[in-house]
PDB file of N, CA and C in Angstrom:
ATOM      1  N   UNK A   1       0.842  -1.184   0.000  1.00  0.00           N
ATOM      2  CA  UNK A   1       0.000   0.000   0.000  1.00  0.00           C
ATOM      3  C   UNK A   1       0.886   1.246   0.000  1.00  0.00           C
ATOM      4  N   UNK A   2       0.536   2.214  -0.807  1.00  0.00           N
ATOM      5  CA  UNK A   2       1.317   3.450  -0.803  1.00  0.00           C
ATOM      6  C   UNK A   2       1.104   4.252   0.475  1.00  0.00           C
ATOM      7  N   UNK A   3       2.091   5.024   0.816  1.00  0.00           N
ATOM      8  CA  UNK A   3       1.990   5.908   1.975  1.00  0.00           C
ATOM      9  C   UNK A   3       0.959   6.993   1.702  1.00  0.00           C
ATOM     10  N   UNK A   4       0.311   7.469   2.738  1.00  0.00           N
ATOM     11  CA  UNK A   4      -0.633   8.577   2.583  1.00  0.00           C
ATOM     12  C   UNK A   4       0.091   9.854   2.159  1.00  0.00           C
ATOM     13  N   UNK A   5       1.417   9.866   2.304  1.00  0.00           N
ATOM     14  CA  UNK A   5       2.216  11.037   1.936  1.00  0.00           C
ATOM     15  C   UNK A   5       2.637  11.018   0.465  1.00  0.00           C
ATOM     16  N   UNK A   6       2.339   9.935  -0.231  1.00  0.00           N
ATOM     17  CA  UNK A   6       2.732   9.803  -1.640  1.00  0.00           C
ATOM     18  C   UNK A   6       1.480   9.717  -2.501  1.00  0.00           C
ATOM     19  N   UNK A   7       0.932  10.864  -2.822  1.00  0.00           N
ATOM     20  CA  UNK A   7      -0.321  10.915  -3.572  1.00  0.00           C
ATOM     21  C   UNK A   7      -0.174  10.436  -5.011  1.00  0.00           C
ATOM     22  N   UNK A   8       1.052  10.375  -5.517  1.00  0.00           N
ATOM     23  CA  UNK A   8       1.265   9.953  -6.897  1.00  0.00           C
ATOM     24  C   UNK A   8       1.879   8.552  -6.991  1.00  0.00           C
ATOM     25  N   UNK A   9       1.732   7.772  -5.929  1.00  0.00           N
ATOM     26  CA  UNK A   9       2.301   6.420  -5.915  1.00  0.00           C
ATOM     27  C   UNK A   9       1.650   5.564  -6.988  1.00  0.00           C
ATOM     28  N   UNK A  10       2.448   4.726  -7.634  1.00  0.00           N
ATOM     29  CA  UNK A  10       1.927   3.791  -8.625  1.00  0.00           C
ATOM     30  C   UNK A  10       1.423   2.559  -7.894  1.00  0.00           C
ATOM     31  N   UNK A  11       0.301   2.026  -8.351  1.00  0.00           N
ATOM     32  CA  UNK A  11      -0.299   0.854  -7.728  1.00  0.00           C
ATOM     33  C   UNK A  11      -0.472  -0.228  -8.785  1.00  0.00           C
ATOM     34  N   UNK A  12      -0.486  -1.471  -8.342  1.00  0.00           N
ATOM     35  CA  UNK A  12      -0.742  -2.596  -9.233  1.00  0.00           C
ATOM     36  C   UNK A  12      -1.939  -3.360  -8.707  1.00  0.00           C
ATOM     37  N   UNK A  13      -2.816  -3.754  -9.601  1.00  0.00           N
ATOM     38  CA  UNK A  13      -3.962  -4.564  -9.199  1.00  0.00           C
ATOM     39  C   UNK A  13      -3.596  -6.044  -9.151  1.00  0.00           C
ATOM     40  N   UNK A  14      -2.459  -6.394  -9.754  1.00  0.00           N
ATOM     41  CA  UNK A  14      -1.984  -7.772  -9.730  1.00  0.00           C
ATOM     42  C   UNK A  14      -1.161  -8.028  -8.475  1.00  0.00           C
ATOM     43  N   UNK A  15      -1.201  -9.263  -8.007  1.00  0.00           N
ATOM     44  CA  UNK A  15      -0.369  -9.656  -6.867  1.00  0.00           C
ATOM     45  C   UNK A  15       1.068  -9.761  -7.351  1.00  0.00           C
ATOM     46  N   UNK A  16       1.962  -8.985  -6.752  1.00  0.00           N
ATOM     47  CA  UNK A  16       3.347  -8.909  -7.194  1.00  0.00           C
ATOM     48  C   UNK A  16       4.257  -9.781  -6.341  1.00  0.00           C
ATOM     49  N   UNK A  17       3.934  -9.907  -5.054  1.00  0.00           N
ATOM     50  CA  UNK A  17       4.796 -10.700  -4.176  1.00  0.00           C
ATOM     51  C   UNK A  17       3.983 -11.342  -3.070  1.00  0.00           C
ATOM     52  N   UNK A  18       4.593 -12.343  -2.463  1.00  0.00           N
ATOM     53  CA  UNK A  18       4.004 -13.068  -1.352  1.00  0.00           C
ATOM     54  C   UNK A  18       5.142 -13.411  -0.393  1.00  0.00           C
ATOM     55  N   UNK A  19       4.816 -13.674   0.849  1.00  0.00           N
ATOM     56  CA  UNK A  19       5.838 -13.975   1.840  1.00  0.00           C
ATOM     57  C   UNK A  19       5.356 -15.123   2.712  1.00  0.00           C
ATOM     58  N   UNK A  20       6.269 -16.038   3.048  1.00  0.00           N
ATOM     59  CA  UNK A  20       5.964 -17.100   3.991  1.00  0.00           C
ATOM     60  C   UNK A  20       6.999 -17.073   5.108  1.00  0.00           C
ATOM     61  N   UNK A  21       6.545 -17.405   6.302  1.00  0.00           N
ATOM     62  CA  UNK A  21       7.421 -17.455   7.472  1.00  0.00           C
ATOM     63  C   UNK A  21       7.360 -18.866   8.030  1.00  0.00           C
ATOM     64  N   UNK A  22       8.505 -19.485   8.195  1.00  0.00           N
ATOM     65  CA  UNK A  22       8.604 -20.803   8.799  1.00  0.00           C
ATOM     66  C   UNK A  22       9.423 -20.652  10.072  1.00  0.00           C
ATOM     67  N   UNK A  23       8.729 -20.481  11.196  1.00  0.00           N
ATOM     68  CA  UNK A  23       9.409 -20.250  12.473  1.00  0.00           C
ATOM     69  C   UNK A  23      10.229 -21.462  12.910  1.00  0.00           C
ATOM     70  N   UNK A  24       9.788 -22.665  12.557  1.00  0.00           N
ATOM     71  CA  UNK A  24      10.530 -23.870  12.945  1.00  0.00           C
ATOM     72  C   UNK A  24      11.880 -23.947  12.234  1.00  0.00           C
ATOM     73  N   UNK A  25      11.920 -23.558  10.975  1.00  0.00           N
ATOM     74  CA  UNK A  25      13.177 -23.545  10.226  1.00  0.00           C
ATOM     75  C   UNK A  25      13.954 -22.256  10.429  1.00  0.00           C
ATOM     76  N   UNK A  26      13.281 -21.240  10.968  1.00  0.00           N
ATOM     77  CA  UNK A  26      13.921 -19.933  11.129  1.00  0.00           C
ATOM     78  C   UNK A  26      14.141 -19.252   9.793  1.00  0.00           C
ATOM     79  N   UNK A  27      13.128 -19.329   8.915  1.00  0.00           N
ATOM     80  CA  UNK A  27      13.250 -18.768   7.568  1.00  0.00           C
ATOM     81  C   UNK A  27      12.075 -17.888   7.198  1.00  0.00           C
ATOM     82  N   UNK A  28      12.400 -16.831   6.487  1.00  0.00           N
ATOM     83  CA  UNK A  28      11.390 -16.009   5.821  1.00  0.00           C
ATOM     84  C   UNK A  28      11.693 -16.113   4.334  1.00  0.00           C
ATOM     85  N   UNK A  29      10.680 -16.460   3.543  1.00  0.00           N
ATOM     86  CA  UNK A  29      10.859 -16.555   2.097  1.00  0.00           C
ATOM     87  C   UNK A  29       9.982 -15.514   1.430  1.00  0.00           C
ATOM     88  N   UNK A  30      10.619 -14.671   0.641  1.00  0.00           N
ATOM     89  CA  UNK A  30       9.916 -13.657  -0.130  1.00  0.00           C
ATOM     90  C   UNK A  30       9.811 -14.172  -1.561  1.00  0.00           C
ATOM     91  N   UNK A  31       8.593 -14.282  -2.058  1.00  0.00           N
ATOM     92  CA  UNK A  31       8.338 -14.750  -3.417  1.00  0.00           C
ATOM     93  C   UNK A  31       7.953 -13.535  -4.263  1.00  0.00           C
ATOM     94  N   UNK A  32       8.836 -13.107  -5.150  1.00  0.00           N
ATOM     95  CA  UNK A  32       8.503 -12.033  -6.082  1.00  0.00           C
ATOM     96  C   UNK A  32       7.947 -12.721  -7.318  1.00  0.00           C
ATOM     97  N   UNK A  33       6.651 -12.528  -7.556  1.00  0.00           N
ATOM     98  CA  UNK A  33       5.950 -13.275  -8.587  1.00  0.00           C
ATOM     99  C   UNK A  33       6.104 -12.665  -9.976  1.00  0.00           C
ATOM    100  N   UNK A  34       6.102 -11.367 -10.056  1.00  0.00           N
ATOM    101  CA  UNK A  34       6.216 -10.665 -11.341  1.00  0.00           C
ATOM    102  C   UNK A  34       7.197  -9.508 -11.184  1.00  0.00           C
ATOM    103  N   UNK A  35       8.462  -9.789 -11.381  1.00  0.00           N
ATOM    104  CA  UNK A  35       9.476  -8.765 -11.159  1.00  0.00           C
ATOM    105  C   UNK A  35       9.322  -7.580 -12.102  1.00  0.00           C
ATOM    106  N   UNK A  36       8.810  -7.792 -13.309  1.00  0.00           N
ATOM    107  CA  UNK A  36       8.651  -6.690 -14.264  1.00  0.00           C
ATOM    108  C   UNK A  36       7.673  -5.647 -13.729  1.00  0.00           C
ATOM    109  N   UNK A  37       6.633  -6.073 -13.029  1.00  0.00           N
ATOM    110  CA  UNK A  37       5.678  -5.115 -12.452  1.00  0.00           C
ATOM    111  C   UNK A  37       6.367  -4.241 -11.410  1.00  0.00           C
ATOM    112  N   UNK A  38       7.282  -4.798 -10.638  1.00  0.00           N
ATOM    113  CA  UNK A  38       8.033  -3.999  -9.664  1.00  0.00           C
ATOM    114  C   UNK A  38       8.962  -3.022 -10.365  1.00  0.00           C
ATOM    115  N   UNK A  39       9.617  -3.478 -11.424  1.00  0.00           N
ATOM    116  CA  UNK A  39      10.563  -2.619 -12.134  1.00  0.00           C
ATOM    117  C   UNK A  39       9.868  -1.437 -12.783  1.00  0.00           C
ATOM    118  N   UNK A  40       8.597  -1.588 -13.106  1.00  0.00           N
ATOM    119  CA  UNK A  40       7.840  -0.498 -13.719  1.00  0.00           C
ATOM    120  C   UNK A  40       7.474   0.590 -12.712  1.00  0.00           C
ATOM    121  N   UNK A  41       7.637   0.323 -11.421  1.00  0.00           N
ATOM    122  CA  UNK A  41       7.231   1.265 -10.383  1.00  0.00           C
ATOM    123  C   UNK A  41       8.261   2.364 -10.159  1.00  0.00           C
ATOM    124  N   UNK A  42       9.539   2.030 -10.183  1.00  0.00           N
ATOM    125  CA  UNK A  42      10.576   2.982  -9.805  1.00  0.00           C
ATOM    126  C   UNK A  42      11.680   3.027 -10.842  1.00  0.00           C
ATOM    127  N   UNK A  43      12.265   4.194 -10.988  1.00  0.00           N
ATOM    128  CA  UNK A  43      13.353   4.350 -11.941  1.00  0.00           C
ATOM    129  C   UNK A  43      14.481   5.188 -11.352  1.00  0.00           C
ATOM    130  N   UNK A  44      14.562   5.258 -10.025  1.00  0.00           N
ATOM    131  CA  UNK A  44      15.476   6.185  -9.384  1.00  0.00           C
ATOM    132  C   UNK A  44      16.389   5.488  -8.384  1.00  0.00           C
ATOM    133  N   UNK A  45      17.691   5.692  -8.521  1.00  0.00           N
ATOM    134  CA  UNK A  45      18.629   5.261  -7.483  1.00  0.00           C
ATOM    135  C   UNK A  45      18.469   6.233  -6.314  1.00  0.00           C
ATOM    136  N   UNK A  46      18.333   5.708  -5.122  1.00  0.00           N
ATOM    137  CA  UNK A  46      18.150   6.553  -3.942  1.00  0.00           C
ATOM    138  C   UNK A  46      19.492   7.152  -3.539  1.00  0.00           C
ATOM    139  N   UNK A  47      19.515   8.476  -3.375  1.00  0.00           N
ATOM    140  CA  UNK A  47      20.727   9.206  -3.015  1.00  0.00           C
ATOM    141  C   UNK A  47      20.433  10.172  -1.875  1.00  0.00           C
ATOM    142  N   UNK A  48      21.476  10.774  -1.349  1.00  0.00           N
ATOM    143  CA  UNK A  48      21.321  11.799  -0.319  1.00  0.00           C
ATOM    144  C   UNK A  48      20.425  12.928  -0.812  1.00  0.00           C
ATOM    145  N   UNK A  49      20.647  13.382  -2.032  1.00  0.00           N
ATOM    146  CA  UNK A  49      19.824  14.464  -2.589  1.00  0.00           C
ATOM    147  C   UNK A  49      18.365  14.060  -2.710  1.00  0.00           C
ATOM    148  N   UNK A  50      18.103  12.817  -3.137  1.00  0.00           N
ATOM    149  CA  UNK A  50      16.732  12.347  -3.302  1.00  0.00           C
ATOM    150  C   UNK A  50      15.999  12.320  -1.962  1.00  0.00           C
ATOM    151  N   UNK A  51      16.680  11.880  -0.894  1.00  0.00           N
ATOM    152  CA  UNK A  51      16.050  11.745   0.424  1.00  0.00           C
ATOM    153  C   UNK A  51      15.810  13.083   1.114  1.00  0.00           C
ATOM    154  N   UNK A  52      16.590  14.085   0.778  1.00  0.00           N
ATOM    155  CA  UNK A  52      16.407  15.385   1.420  1.00  0.00           C
ATOM    156  C   UNK A  52      16.946  15.394   2.840  1.00  0.00           C
ATOM    157  N   UNK A  53      16.270  16.116   3.716  1.00  0.00           N
ATOM    158  CA  UNK A  53      16.738  16.262   5.102  1.00  0.00           C
ATOM    159  C   UNK A  53      15.761  15.608   6.073  1.00  0.00           C
ATOM    160  N   UNK A  54      16.284  15.226   7.234  1.00  0.00           N
ATOM    161  CA  UNK A  54      15.441  14.610   8.257  1.00  0.00           C
ATOM    162  C   UNK A  54      14.438  15.626   8.800  1.00  0.00           C
ATOM    163  N   UNK A  55      13.324  15.119   9.278  1.00  0.00           N
ATOM    164  CA  UNK A  55      12.234  15.987   9.736  1.00  0.00           C
ATOM    165  C   UNK A  55      12.623  16.827  10.955  1.00  0.00           C
ATOM    166  N   UNK A  56      13.159  16.184  11.972  1.00  0.00           N
ATOM    167  CA  UNK A  56      13.425  16.897  13.228  1.00  0.00           C
ATOM    168  C   UNK A  56      14.761  17.633  13.245  1.00  0.00           C
ATOM    169  N   UNK A  57      15.812  16.990  12.798  1.00  0.00           N
ATOM    170  CA  UNK A  57      17.140  17.589  12.910  1.00  0.00           C
ATOM    171  C   UNK A  57      17.551  18.373  11.669  1.00  0.00           C
ATOM    172  N   UNK A  58      16.793  18.246  10.593  1.00  0.00           N
ATOM    173  CA  UNK A  58      17.091  18.934   9.336  1.00  0.00           C
ATOM    174  C   UNK A  58      18.516  18.636   8.856  1.00  0.00           C
ATOM    175  N   UNK A  59      18.894  17.351   8.990  1.00  0.00           N
ATOM    176  CA  UNK A  59      20.219  16.910   8.549  1.00  0.00           C
ATOM    177  C   UNK A  59      20.057  15.983   7.353  1.00  0.00           C
ATOM    178  N   UNK A  60      21.071  15.944   6.501  1.00  0.00           N
ATOM    179  CA  UNK A  60      21.042  15.082   5.325  1.00  0.00           C
ATOM    180  C   UNK A  60      21.257  13.630   5.723  1.00  0.00           C
ATOM    181  N   UNK A  61      20.664  12.721   4.956  1.00  0.00           N
ATOM    182  CA  UNK A  61      20.944  11.294   5.102  1.00  0.00           C
ATOM    183  C   UNK A  61      22.274  11.040   4.418  1.00  0.00           C
ATOM    184  N   UNK A  62      23.247  10.509   5.163  1.00  0.00           N
ATOM    185  CA  UNK A  62      24.582  10.312   4.600  1.00  0.00           C
ATOM    186  C   UNK A  62      25.270   9.140   5.279  1.00  0.00           C
ATOM    187  N   UNK A  63      26.414   8.749   4.731  1.00  0.00           N
ATOM    188  CA  UNK A  63      27.222   7.677   5.301  1.00  0.00           C
ATOM    189  C   UNK A  63      27.791   8.142   6.650  1.00  0.00           C
ATOM    190  N   UNK A  64      28.192   7.206   7.525  1.00  0.00           N
ATOM    191  CA  UNK A  64      28.769   7.602   8.816  1.00  0.00           C
ATOM    192  C   UNK A  64      29.965   8.535   8.706  1.00  0.00           C
ATOM    193  N   UNK A  65      30.717   8.434   7.593  1.00  0.00           N
ATOM    194  CA  UNK A  65      31.880   9.299   7.427  1.00  0.00           C
ATOM    195  C   UNK A  65      31.540  10.640   6.764  1.00  0.00           C
ATOM    196  N   UNK A  66      30.241  10.908   6.557  1.00  0.00           N
ATOM    197  CA  UNK A  66      29.814  12.172   5.966  1.00  0.00           C
ATOM    198  C   UNK A  66      29.675  12.150   4.459  1.00  0.00           C
ATOM    199  N   UNK A  67      30.064  11.046   3.822  1.00  0.00           N
ATOM    200  CA  UNK A  67      29.922  10.928   2.371  1.00  0.00           C
ATOM    201  C   UNK A  67      28.445  10.787   1.992  1.00  0.00           C
ATOM    202  N   UNK A  68      28.102  11.238   0.811  1.00  0.00           N
ATOM    203  CA  UNK A  68      26.723  11.141   0.325  1.00  0.00           C
ATOM    204  C   UNK A  68      26.326   9.676   0.115  1.00  0.00           C
ATOM    205  N   UNK A  69      25.038   9.397   0.322  1.00  0.00           N
ATOM    206  CA  UNK A  69      24.502   8.066   0.060  1.00  0.00           C
ATOM    207  C   UNK A  69      24.288   7.879  -1.434  1.00  0.00           C
ATOM    208  N   UNK A  70      24.517   6.690  -1.902  1.00  0.00           N
ATOM    209  CA  UNK A  70      24.194   6.295  -3.270  1.00  0.00           C
ATOM    210  C   UNK A  70      23.838   4.818  -3.164  1.00  0.00           C
ATOM    211  N   UNK A  71      22.550   4.518  -3.012  1.00  0.00           N
ATOM    212  CA  UNK A  71      22.112   3.143  -2.801  1.00  0.00           C
ATOM    213  C   UNK A  71      21.980   2.439  -4.151  1.00  0.00           C
ATOM    214  N   UNK A  72      23.133   2.132  -4.736  1.00  0.00           N
ATOM    215  CA  UNK A  72      23.161   1.543  -6.072  1.00  0.00           C
ATOM    216  C   UNK A  72      23.517   0.058  -6.059  1.00  0.00           C
ATOM    217  N   UNK A  73      23.456  -0.561  -4.872  1.00  0.00           N
ATOM    218  CA  UNK A  73      23.601  -2.003  -4.753  1.00  0.00           C
ATOM    219  C   UNK A  73      22.449  -2.530  -3.912  1.00  0.00           C
ATOM    220  N   UNK A  74      22.105  -3.804  -4.118  1.00  0.00           N
ATOM    221  CA  UNK A  74      20.990  -4.367  -3.365  1.00  0.00           C
ATOM    222  C   UNK A  74      21.481  -5.045  -2.084  1.00  0.00           C
ATOM    223  N   UNK A  75      20.597  -5.743  -1.402  1.00  0.00           N
ATOM    224  CA  UNK A  75      20.873  -6.423  -0.135  1.00  0.00           C
ATOM    225  C   UNK A  75      22.072  -7.366  -0.239  1.00  0.00           C
ATOM    226  N   UNK A  76      22.230  -8.007  -1.395  1.00  0.00           N
ATOM    227  CA  UNK A  76      23.300  -8.979  -1.593  1.00  0.00           C
ATOM    228  C   UNK A  76      24.550  -8.368  -2.210  1.00  0.00           C
ATOM    229  N   UNK A  77      24.564  -7.036  -2.389  1.00  0.00           N
ATOM    230  CA  UNK A  77      25.728  -6.365  -2.950  1.00  0.00           C
ATOM    231  C   UNK A  77      25.753  -6.330  -4.465  1.00  0.00           C
ATOM    232  N   UNK A  78      24.655  -6.749  -5.113  1.00  0.00           N
ATOM    233  CA  UNK A  78      24.585  -6.728  -6.567  1.00  0.00           C
ATOM    234  C   UNK A  78      24.347  -5.301  -7.054  1.00  0.00           C
ATOM    235  N   UNK A  79      25.086  -4.889  -8.073  1.00  0.00           N
ATOM    236  CA  UNK A  79      24.963  -3.545  -8.633  1.00  0.00           C
ATOM    237  C   UNK A  79      23.592  -3.380  -9.288  1.00  0.00           C
ATOM    238  N   UNK A  80      22.916  -2.270  -8.976  1.00  0.00           N
ATOM    239  CA  UNK A  80      21.623  -1.982  -9.588  1.00  0.00           C
ATOM    240  C   UNK A  80      21.850  -1.362 -10.963  1.00  0.00           C
ATOM    241  N   UNK A  81      20.934  -1.614 -11.904  1.00  0.00           N
ATOM    242  CA  UNK A  81      21.074  -1.010 -13.226  1.00  0.00           C
ATOM    243  C   UNK A  81      20.760   0.483 -13.183  1.00  0.00           C
ATOM    244  N   UNK A  82      21.114   1.186 -14.242  1.00  0.00           N
ATOM    245  CA  UNK A  82      20.845   2.626 -14.327  1.00  0.00           C
ATOM    246  C   UNK A  82      19.354   2.916 -14.508  1.00  0.00           C
ATOM    247  N   UNK A  83      18.624   2.002 -15.160  1.00  0.00           N
ATOM    248  CA  UNK A  83      17.187   2.167 -15.402  1.00  0.00           C
ATOM    249  C   UNK A  83      16.465   0.878 -15.018  1.00  0.00           C
ATOM    250  N   UNK A  84      15.147   0.977 -14.869  1.00  0.00           N
ATOM    251  CA  UNK A  84      14.305  -0.174 -14.507  1.00  0.00           C
ATOM    252  C   UNK A  84      14.764  -0.847 -13.220  1.00  0.00           C
ATOM    253  N   UNK A  85      14.958  -0.030 -12.194  1.00  0.00           N
ATOM    254  CA  UNK A  85      15.343  -0.548 -10.882  1.00  0.00           C
ATOM    255  C   UNK A  85      14.174  -1.274 -10.242  1.00  0.00           C
ATOM    256  N   UNK A  86      14.487  -2.248  -9.423  1.00  0.00           N
ATOM    257  CA  UNK A  86      13.460  -2.907  -8.629  1.00  0.00           C
ATOM    258  C   UNK A  86      13.412  -2.212  -7.278  1.00  0.00           C
ATOM    259  N   UNK A  87      12.248  -1.665  -6.886  1.00  0.00           N
ATOM    260  CA  UNK A  87      12.178  -1.028  -5.574  1.00  0.00           C
ATOM    261  C   UNK A  87      12.353  -2.064  -4.464  1.00  0.00           C
ATOM    262  N   UNK A  88      12.920  -1.631  -3.369  1.00  0.00           N
ATOM    263  CA  UNK A  88      13.135  -2.531  -2.245  1.00  0.00           C
ATOM    264  C   UNK A  88      14.569  -3.021  -2.190  1.00  0.00           C
ATOM    265  N   UNK A  89      14.840  -3.953  -1.286  1.00  0.00           N
ATOM    266  CA  UNK A  89      16.226  -4.366  -1.051  1.00  0.00           C
ATOM    267  C   UNK A  89      16.784  -5.372  -2.045  1.00  0.00           C
ATOM    268  N   UNK A  90      15.948  -6.001  -2.890  1.00  0.00           N
ATOM    269  CA  UNK A  90      16.421  -7.056  -3.780  1.00  0.00           C
ATOM    270  C   UNK A  90      16.254  -6.643  -5.230  1.00  0.00           C
ATOM    271  N   UNK A  91      17.353  -6.639  -5.962  1.00  0.00           N
ATOM    272  CA  UNK A  91      17.303  -6.313  -7.388  1.00  0.00           C
ATOM    273  C   UNK A  91      16.971  -7.571  -8.180  1.00  0.00           C
ATOM    274  N   UNK A  92      16.076  -7.438  -9.135  1.00  0.00           N
ATOM    275  CA  UNK A  92      15.766  -8.541 -10.041  1.00  0.00           C
ATOM    276  C   UNK A  92      16.126  -8.100 -11.443  1.00  0.00           C
ATOM    277  N   UNK A  93      16.722  -8.978 -12.208  1.00  0.00           N
ATOM    278  CA  UNK A  93      17.179  -8.588 -13.529  1.00  0.00           C
ATOM    279  C   UNK A  93      16.373  -9.207 -14.655  1.00  0.00           C
ATOM    280  N   UNK A  94      15.463 -10.084 -14.316  1.00  0.00           N
ATOM    281  CA  UNK A  94      14.665 -10.707 -15.356  1.00  0.00           C
ATOM    282  C   UNK A  94      13.240 -10.876 -14.868  1.00  0.00           C
ATOM    283  N   UNK A  95      12.325 -10.941 -15.818  1.00  0.00           N
ATOM    284  CA  UNK A  95      10.917 -11.117 -15.465  1.00  0.00           C
ATOM    285  C   UNK A  95      10.698 -12.551 -14.983  1.00  0.00           C
ATOM    286  N   UNK A  96       9.801 -12.704 -14.050  1.00  0.00           N
ATOM    287  CA  UNK A  96       9.492 -14.030 -13.557  1.00  0.00           C
ATOM    288  C   UNK A  96       9.588 -14.088 -12.052  1.00  0.00           C
ATOM    289  N   UNK A  97       9.646 -15.289 -11.540  1.00  0.00           N
ATOM    290  CA  UNK A  97       9.610 -15.545 -10.110  1.00  0.00           C
ATOM    291  C   UNK A  97      11.011 -15.442  -9.516  1.00  0.00           C
ATOM    292  N   UNK A  98      11.116 -14.798  -8.368  1.00  0.00           N
ATOM    293  CA  UNK A  98      12.362 -14.732  -7.606  1.00  0.00           C
ATOM    294  C   UNK A  98      12.019 -15.113  -6.176  1.00  0.00           C
ATOM    295  N   UNK A  99      12.721 -16.092  -5.627  1.00  0.00           N
ATOM    296  CA  UNK A  99      12.527 -16.492  -4.243  1.00  0.00           C
ATOM    297  C   UNK A  99      13.761 -16.133  -3.442  1.00  0.00           C
ATOM    298  N   UNK A 100      13.558 -15.365  -2.386  1.00  0.00           N
ATOM    299  CA  UNK A 100      14.652 -14.949  -1.513  1.00  0.00           C
ATOM    300  C   UNK A 100      14.385 -15.553  -0.146  1.00  0.00           C
ATOM    301  N   UNK A 101      15.321 -16.364   0.340  1.00  0.00           N
ATOM    302  CA  UNK A 101      15.183 -16.997   1.648  1.00  0.00           C
ATOM    303  C   UNK A 101      16.149 -16.321   2.608  1.00  0.00           C
ATOM    304  N   UNK A 102      15.600 -15.835   3.729  1.00  0.00           N
ATOM    305  CA  UNK A 102      16.414 -15.179   4.745  1.00  0.00           C
ATOM    306  C   UNK A 102      16.274 -15.976   6.029  1.00  0.00           C
ATOM    307  N   UNK A 103      17.397 -16.396   6.576  1.00  0.00           N
ATOM    308  CA  UNK A 103      17.374 -17.164   7.836  1.00  0.00           C
ATOM    309  C   UNK A 103      17.519 -16.211   9.012  1.00  0.00           C
ATOM    310  N   UNK A 104      16.765 -16.512  10.078  1.00  0.00           N
ATOM    311  CA  UNK A 104      16.867 -15.694  11.287  1.00  0.00           C
ATOM    312  C   UNK A 104      17.161 -16.546  12.490  1.00  0.00           C
TER     313      UNK A 104
END
């Protein structure tokens, strides 16, 4: 669901992802069913400039050493493409199903 603060958010009527939790195995599995639908939502690498300043302290979002953020890699360290980015922590490069298993 889009945030109430994003009046221009893109929505999909199709189910794009599903998640299962197996507490006995200590696993969360994210099933991305149609990666192309996700890629159609966002086209922007998240940067310090894109995020702006924090609400209370009016400070920029940046690296601990003061360098600007450039979130151009995904959760697994894979480089994101210049266009057709997949929103969220996991980059997908092809249409179809992607299963991500995270152990806790």
